[in-house]
Amino acid sequence: MKMIKSLLLISMFVGAIILSGCGEKTNGSLDQFAICLSENGAEMYGAYWCGHCKDQKEMFGSSFEKVNYIECTVDQDKCEAAGIKGYPTWKFADGSLLPGAQQFSTLAQKTGCPLP
């Protein structure tokens, strides 16, 4: 009985380790999606101190460098001209704005980019 409990515990531990890496797409695996967003006119407006901006950036991992990102603490005029009221805000080619961190499915729907 002790042996079965030990095996079960080890199996659960190994499973948790494996699952902890699932769903994370980093190290450039979202490059094509990020490039497509930028090519289709999507822009993310944010600020370096914004926690929700940080969350959105982390969703993309290293691929975020391919996203058309405007840092509003640096380019205040562009942010004002775009009508940005909070961070993050996504602006799309049709001129529409979506405030807040967005799911990939929403960004895909707004731009026509295939989901990663």
N, C-alpha and C. Protein backbone atom coordinates (compact mmCIF):
# COMPACT_ATOMS: atom_id res chain seq x y z
N MET A 1 0.83 -1.20 0.00
CA MET A 1 0.00 0.00 0.00
C MET A 1 0.87 1.26 0.00
N LYS A 2 1.95 1.22 0.82
CA LYS A 2 2.86 2.35 0.88
C LYS A 2 3.51 2.59 -0.48
N MET A 3 3.83 1.50 -1.16
CA MET A 3 4.46 1.58 -2.48
C MET A 3 3.52 2.24 -3.49
N ILE A 4 2.26 1.90 -3.45
CA ILE A 4 1.28 2.48 -4.37
C ILE A 4 1.12 3.97 -4.11
N LYS A 5 1.06 4.36 -2.84
CA LYS A 5 0.95 5.78 -2.51
C LYS A 5 2.18 6.54 -2.98
N SER A 6 3.35 5.96 -2.83
CA SER A 6 4.59 6.60 -3.27
C SER A 6 4.60 6.77 -4.78
N LEU A 7 4.20 5.73 -5.50
CA LEU A 7 4.15 5.82 -6.96
C LEU A 7 3.13 6.85 -7.42
N LEU A 8 2.01 6.89 -6.76
CA LEU A 8 0.98 7.87 -7.10
C LEU A 8 1.48 9.29 -6.87
N LEU A 9 2.14 9.49 -5.75
CA LEU A 9 2.69 10.81 -5.43
C LEU A 9 3.75 11.22 -6.44
N ILE A 10 4.62 10.31 -6.80
CA ILE A 10 5.67 10.60 -7.79
C ILE A 10 5.03 10.90 -9.14
N SER A 11 4.03 10.13 -9.53
CA SER A 11 3.34 10.37 -10.81
C SER A 11 2.69 11.74 -10.85
N MET A 12 2.07 12.13 -9.74
CA MET A 12 1.43 13.44 -9.68
C MET A 12 2.48 14.55 -9.77
N PHE A 13 3.60 14.36 -9.11
CA PHE A 13 4.67 15.35 -9.13
C PHE A 13 5.23 15.51 -10.54
N VAL A 14 5.51 14.40 -11.20
CA VAL A 14 6.04 14.44 -12.57
C VAL A 14 5.01 15.07 -13.50
N GLY A 15 3.75 14.72 -13.34
CA GLY A 15 2.69 15.30 -14.16
C GLY A 15 2.59 16.80 -13.98
N ALA A 16 2.72 17.26 -12.75
CA ALA A 16 2.66 18.70 -12.48
C ALA A 16 3.82 19.43 -13.15
N ILE A 17 4.99 18.83 -13.13
CA ILE A 17 6.16 19.44 -13.78
C ILE A 17 5.93 19.54 -15.27
N ILE A 18 5.44 18.48 -15.87
CA ILE A 18 5.19 18.48 -17.32
C ILE A 18 4.13 19.51 -17.68
N LEU A 19 3.03 19.54 -16.95
CA LEU A 19 1.94 20.46 -17.25
C LEU A 19 2.30 21.92 -17.01
N SER A 20 3.23 22.17 -16.12
CA SER A 20 3.59 23.56 -15.83
C SER A 20 4.20 24.24 -17.04
N GLY A 21 4.79 23.47 -17.94
CA GLY A 21 5.37 24.05 -19.15
C GLY A 21 4.40 24.12 -20.30
N CYS A 22 3.27 23.43 -20.21
CA CYS A 22 2.30 23.43 -21.30
C CYS A 22 1.59 24.77 -21.37
N GLY A 23 1.32 25.20 -22.59
CA GLY A 23 0.58 26.44 -22.78
C GLY A 23 1.47 27.67 -22.83
N GLU A 24 2.68 27.58 -22.33
CA GLU A 24 3.57 28.73 -22.39
C GLU A 24 4.24 28.73 -23.74
N LYS A 25 4.15 29.84 -24.44
CA LYS A 25 4.77 29.96 -25.73
C LYS A 25 5.78 31.08 -25.63
N THR A 26 7.02 30.70 -25.51
CA THR A 26 8.07 31.69 -25.39
C THR A 26 9.19 31.34 -26.35
N ASN A 27 10.30 32.01 -26.23
CA ASN A 27 11.46 31.76 -27.06
C ASN A 27 11.14 31.86 -28.55
N GLY A 28 10.33 32.82 -28.92
CA GLY A 28 10.08 33.09 -30.32
C GLY A 28 9.01 32.25 -30.98
N SER A 29 8.31 31.41 -30.23
CA SER A 29 7.31 30.55 -30.86
C SER A 29 6.07 31.32 -31.30
N LEU A 30 5.93 32.56 -30.88
CA LEU A 30 4.80 33.39 -31.31
C LEU A 30 5.23 34.45 -32.32
N ASP A 31 6.43 34.31 -32.86
CA ASP A 31 6.96 35.32 -33.78
C ASP A 31 6.00 35.59 -34.94
N GLN A 32 5.53 34.54 -35.60
CA GLN A 32 4.67 34.73 -36.78
C GLN A 32 3.37 35.43 -36.43
N PHE A 33 2.81 35.10 -35.28
CA PHE A 33 1.58 35.75 -34.83
C PHE A 33 1.85 37.24 -34.57
N ALA A 34 2.92 37.54 -33.88
CA ALA A 34 3.27 38.94 -33.57
C ALA A 34 3.55 39.72 -34.85
N ILE A 35 4.25 39.12 -35.78
CA ILE A 35 4.53 39.78 -37.07
C ILE A 35 3.23 40.04 -37.82
N CYS A 36 2.35 39.05 -37.84
CA CYS A 36 1.06 39.21 -38.52
C CYS A 36 0.25 40.35 -37.90
N LEU A 37 0.23 40.42 -36.56
CA LEU A 37 -0.48 41.51 -35.91
C LEU A 37 0.04 42.86 -36.38
N SER A 38 1.35 43.02 -36.38
CA SER A 38 1.95 44.29 -36.79
C SER A 38 1.68 44.58 -38.26
N GLU A 39 1.81 43.56 -39.12
CA GLU A 39 1.56 43.75 -40.55
C GLU A 39 0.11 44.13 -40.84
N ASN A 40 -0.79 43.73 -39.95
CA ASN A 40 -2.21 44.02 -40.14
C ASN A 40 -2.68 45.24 -39.35
N GLY A 41 -1.72 46.05 -38.91
CA GLY A 41 -2.05 47.34 -38.32
C GLY A 41 -2.34 47.37 -36.84
N ALA A 42 -2.14 46.26 -36.13
CA ALA A 42 -2.38 46.27 -34.68
C ALA A 42 -1.21 46.95 -33.97
N GLU A 43 -1.55 47.79 -33.01
CA GLU A 43 -0.55 48.48 -32.20
C GLU A 43 -0.95 48.35 -30.75
N MET A 44 0.03 48.09 -29.90
CA MET A 44 -0.24 48.06 -28.46
C MET A 44 0.38 49.31 -27.84
N TYR A 45 -0.44 50.06 -27.13
CA TYR A 45 0.01 51.26 -26.42
C TYR A 45 0.11 50.90 -24.94
N GLY A 46 1.21 51.30 -24.31
CA GLY A 46 1.38 50.97 -22.91
C GLY A 46 2.40 51.86 -22.23
N ALA A 47 2.70 51.51 -21.00
CA ALA A 47 3.67 52.23 -20.19
C ALA A 47 4.50 51.21 -19.42
N TYR A 48 5.77 51.50 -19.24
CA TYR A 48 6.69 50.56 -18.61
C TYR A 48 6.26 50.18 -17.19
N TRP A 49 5.55 51.06 -16.50
CA TRP A 49 5.17 50.81 -15.11
C TRP A 49 3.83 50.09 -14.97
N CYS A 50 3.17 49.84 -16.07
CA CYS A 50 1.82 49.25 -16.09
C CYS A 50 1.86 47.74 -15.90
N GLY A 51 1.23 47.25 -14.84
CA GLY A 51 1.20 45.82 -14.56
C GLY A 51 0.47 45.00 -15.61
N HIS A 52 -0.65 45.53 -16.13
CA HIS A 52 -1.40 44.80 -17.16
C HIS A 52 -0.61 44.75 -18.47
N CYS A 53 0.17 45.80 -18.73
CA CYS A 53 1.04 45.81 -19.91
C CYS A 53 2.09 44.71 -19.77
N LYS A 54 2.64 44.60 -18.58
CA LYS A 54 3.64 43.56 -18.31
C LYS A 54 3.04 42.18 -18.54
N ASP A 55 1.81 41.98 -18.06
CA ASP A 55 1.13 40.70 -18.27
C ASP A 55 0.97 40.40 -19.75
N GLN A 56 0.57 41.41 -20.53
CA GLN A 56 0.36 41.22 -21.96
C GLN A 56 1.69 40.88 -22.64
N LYS A 57 2.74 41.59 -22.27
CA LYS A 57 4.06 41.32 -22.84
C LYS A 57 4.51 39.90 -22.52
N GLU A 58 4.27 39.46 -21.29
CA GLU A 58 4.67 38.12 -20.88
C GLU A 58 3.91 37.04 -21.64
N MET A 59 2.68 37.32 -22.06
CA MET A 59 1.92 36.36 -22.86
C MET A 59 2.65 36.05 -24.17
N PHE A 60 3.32 37.06 -24.73
CA PHE A 60 4.04 36.89 -25.99
C PHE A 60 5.46 36.35 -25.79
N GLY A 61 5.97 36.44 -24.58
CA GLY A 61 7.35 36.02 -24.34
C GLY A 61 8.31 36.85 -25.18
N SER A 62 9.35 36.22 -25.68
CA SER A 62 10.36 36.95 -26.47
C SER A 62 9.81 37.45 -27.80
N SER A 63 8.68 36.93 -28.23
CA SER A 63 8.08 37.37 -29.50
C SER A 63 7.48 38.77 -29.40
N PHE A 64 7.36 39.30 -28.18
CA PHE A 64 6.77 40.63 -28.03
C PHE A 64 7.57 41.69 -28.79
N GLU A 65 8.86 41.46 -28.97
CA GLU A 65 9.67 42.44 -29.69
C GLU A 65 9.23 42.61 -31.14
N LYS A 66 8.40 41.70 -31.64
CA LYS A 66 7.86 41.79 -33.01
C LYS A 66 6.52 42.53 -33.05
N VAL A 67 5.94 42.80 -31.89
CA VAL A 67 4.67 43.52 -31.80
C VAL A 67 4.95 45.02 -31.98
N ASN A 68 4.07 45.68 -32.70
CA ASN A 68 4.19 47.14 -32.85
C ASN A 68 3.74 47.77 -31.53
N TYR A 69 4.72 48.14 -30.70
CA TYR A 69 4.46 48.64 -29.36
C TYR A 69 4.85 50.11 -29.26
N ILE A 70 3.96 50.90 -28.69
CA ILE A 70 4.22 52.32 -28.47
C ILE A 70 4.28 52.56 -26.97
N GLU A 71 5.43 53.01 -26.50
CA GLU A 71 5.65 53.32 -25.09
C GLU A 71 5.18 54.75 -24.86
N CYS A 72 4.07 54.90 -24.17
CA CYS A 72 3.43 56.21 -24.02
C CYS A 72 4.18 57.17 -23.11
N THR A 73 5.09 56.65 -22.29
CA THR A 73 5.89 57.57 -21.48
C THR A 73 6.97 58.24 -22.33
N VAL A 74 7.23 57.68 -23.50
CA VAL A 74 8.23 58.22 -24.42
C VAL A 74 7.56 58.99 -25.56
N ASP A 75 6.52 58.40 -26.14
CA ASP A 75 5.85 58.99 -27.31
C ASP A 75 4.44 59.47 -26.92
N GLN A 76 4.40 60.44 -26.00
CA GLN A 76 3.13 60.95 -25.48
C GLN A 76 2.24 61.54 -26.56
N ASP A 77 2.83 62.24 -27.52
CA ASP A 77 2.03 62.86 -28.58
C ASP A 77 1.29 61.82 -29.41
N LYS A 78 1.96 60.72 -29.75
CA LYS A 78 1.31 59.67 -30.54
C LYS A 78 0.17 59.03 -29.75
N CYS A 79 0.38 58.84 -28.46
CA CYS A 79 -0.65 58.23 -27.61
C CYS A 79 -1.87 59.15 -27.49
N GLU A 80 -1.62 60.44 -27.32
CA GLU A 80 -2.73 61.40 -27.26
C GLU A 80 -3.49 61.45 -28.57
N ALA A 81 -2.76 61.49 -29.68
CA ALA A 81 -3.39 61.54 -31.00
C ALA A 81 -4.24 60.29 -31.27
N ALA A 82 -3.82 59.16 -30.73
CA ALA A 82 -4.55 57.90 -30.92
C ALA A 82 -5.76 57.79 -29.99
N GLY A 83 -5.88 58.71 -29.02
CA GLY A 83 -7.01 58.68 -28.09
C GLY A 83 -6.85 57.67 -26.97
N ILE A 84 -5.61 57.37 -26.62
CA ILE A 84 -5.35 56.38 -25.58
C ILE A 84 -5.68 56.97 -24.21
N LYS A 85 -6.53 56.29 -23.47
CA LYS A 85 -6.97 56.76 -22.14
C LYS A 85 -6.42 55.90 -21.01
N GLY A 86 -6.01 54.67 -21.31
CA GLY A 86 -5.49 53.76 -20.30
C GLY A 86 -4.58 52.73 -20.94
N TYR A 87 -3.92 51.96 -20.10
CA TYR A 87 -2.93 51.00 -20.59
C TYR A 87 -3.24 49.60 -20.09
N PRO A 88 -2.94 48.60 -20.88
CA PRO A 88 -2.62 48.70 -22.29
C PRO A 88 -3.88 48.98 -23.10
N THR A 89 -3.71 49.51 -24.27
CA THR A 89 -4.79 49.66 -25.24
C THR A 89 -4.27 49.20 -26.59
N TRP A 90 -5.04 48.37 -27.25
CA TRP A 90 -4.73 47.93 -28.60
C TRP A 90 -5.50 48.79 -29.58
N LYS A 91 -4.81 49.25 -30.62
CA LYS A 91 -5.45 49.99 -31.70
C LYS A 91 -5.30 49.16 -32.97
N PHE A 92 -6.36 49.14 -33.76
CA PHE A 92 -6.38 48.30 -34.96
C PHE A 92 -6.48 49.15 -36.23
N ALA A 93 -6.24 48.53 -37.36
CA ALA A 93 -6.20 49.24 -38.65
C ALA A 93 -7.51 49.98 -38.93
N ASP A 94 -8.62 49.47 -38.43
CA ASP A 94 -9.90 50.14 -38.66
C ASP A 94 -10.13 51.32 -37.71
N GLY A 95 -9.12 51.60 -36.87
CA GLY A 95 -9.22 52.72 -35.93
C GLY A 95 -9.84 52.38 -34.60
N SER A 96 -10.33 51.16 -34.45
CA SER A 96 -10.97 50.78 -33.19
C SER A 96 -9.92 50.56 -32.11
N LEU A 97 -10.37 50.80 -30.87
CA LEU A 97 -9.51 50.63 -29.70
C LEU A 97 -10.09 49.57 -28.78
N LEU A 98 -9.22 48.74 -28.21
CA LEU A 98 -9.63 47.77 -27.20
C LEU A 98 -8.74 47.97 -25.98
N PRO A 99 -9.30 48.47 -24.89
CA PRO A 99 -8.49 48.65 -23.68
C PRO A 99 -8.30 47.33 -22.94
N GLY A 100 -7.19 47.23 -22.25
CA GLY A 100 -6.90 46.07 -21.42
C GLY A 100 -6.08 45.02 -22.14
N ALA A 101 -5.51 44.13 -21.34
CA ALA A 101 -4.76 43.00 -21.92
C ALA A 101 -5.76 42.11 -22.66
N GLN A 102 -5.39 41.67 -23.85
CA GLN A 102 -6.31 40.92 -24.71
C GLN A 102 -5.84 39.48 -24.89
N GLN A 103 -6.79 38.59 -25.03
CA GLN A 103 -6.49 37.19 -25.34
C GLN A 103 -6.06 37.10 -26.80
N PHE A 104 -5.26 36.10 -27.13
CA PHE A 104 -4.82 35.91 -28.51
C PHE A 104 -6.02 35.73 -29.45
N SER A 105 -7.07 35.07 -28.98
CA SER A 105 -8.24 34.85 -29.84
C SER A 105 -8.88 36.17 -30.25
N THR A 106 -8.91 37.13 -29.35
CA THR A 106 -9.48 38.45 -29.67
C THR A 106 -8.60 39.18 -30.68
N LEU A 107 -7.30 39.14 -30.46
CA LEU A 107 -6.37 39.79 -31.39
C LEU A 107 -6.44 39.13 -32.77
N ALA A 108 -6.57 37.84 -32.80
CA ALA A 108 -6.68 37.11 -34.07
C ALA A 108 -7.95 37.51 -34.81
N GLN A 109 -9.05 37.59 -34.07
CA GLN A 109 -10.33 37.95 -34.68
C GLN A 109 -10.29 39.37 -35.25
N LYS A 110 -9.69 40.31 -34.54
CA LYS A 110 -9.65 41.70 -34.97
C LYS A 110 -8.71 41.91 -36.17
N THR A 111 -7.70 41.03 -36.34
CA THR A 111 -6.71 41.25 -37.39
C THR A 111 -6.76 40.24 -38.52
N GLY A 112 -7.43 39.13 -38.29
CA GLY A 112 -7.43 38.06 -39.29
C GLY A 112 -6.19 37.18 -39.22
N CYS A 113 -5.37 37.38 -38.22
CA CYS A 113 -4.15 36.57 -38.05
C CYS A 113 -4.52 35.20 -37.51
N PRO A 114 -3.91 34.14 -38.04
CA PRO A 114 -4.20 32.80 -37.50
C PRO A 114 -3.70 32.66 -36.08
N LEU A 115 -4.48 31.96 -35.28
CA LEU A 115 -4.09 31.71 -33.89
C LEU A 115 -2.83 30.86 -33.84
N PRO A 116 -1.99 31.14 -32.87
CA PRO A 116 -0.76 30.34 -32.73
C PRO A 116 -1.06 28.94 -32.26
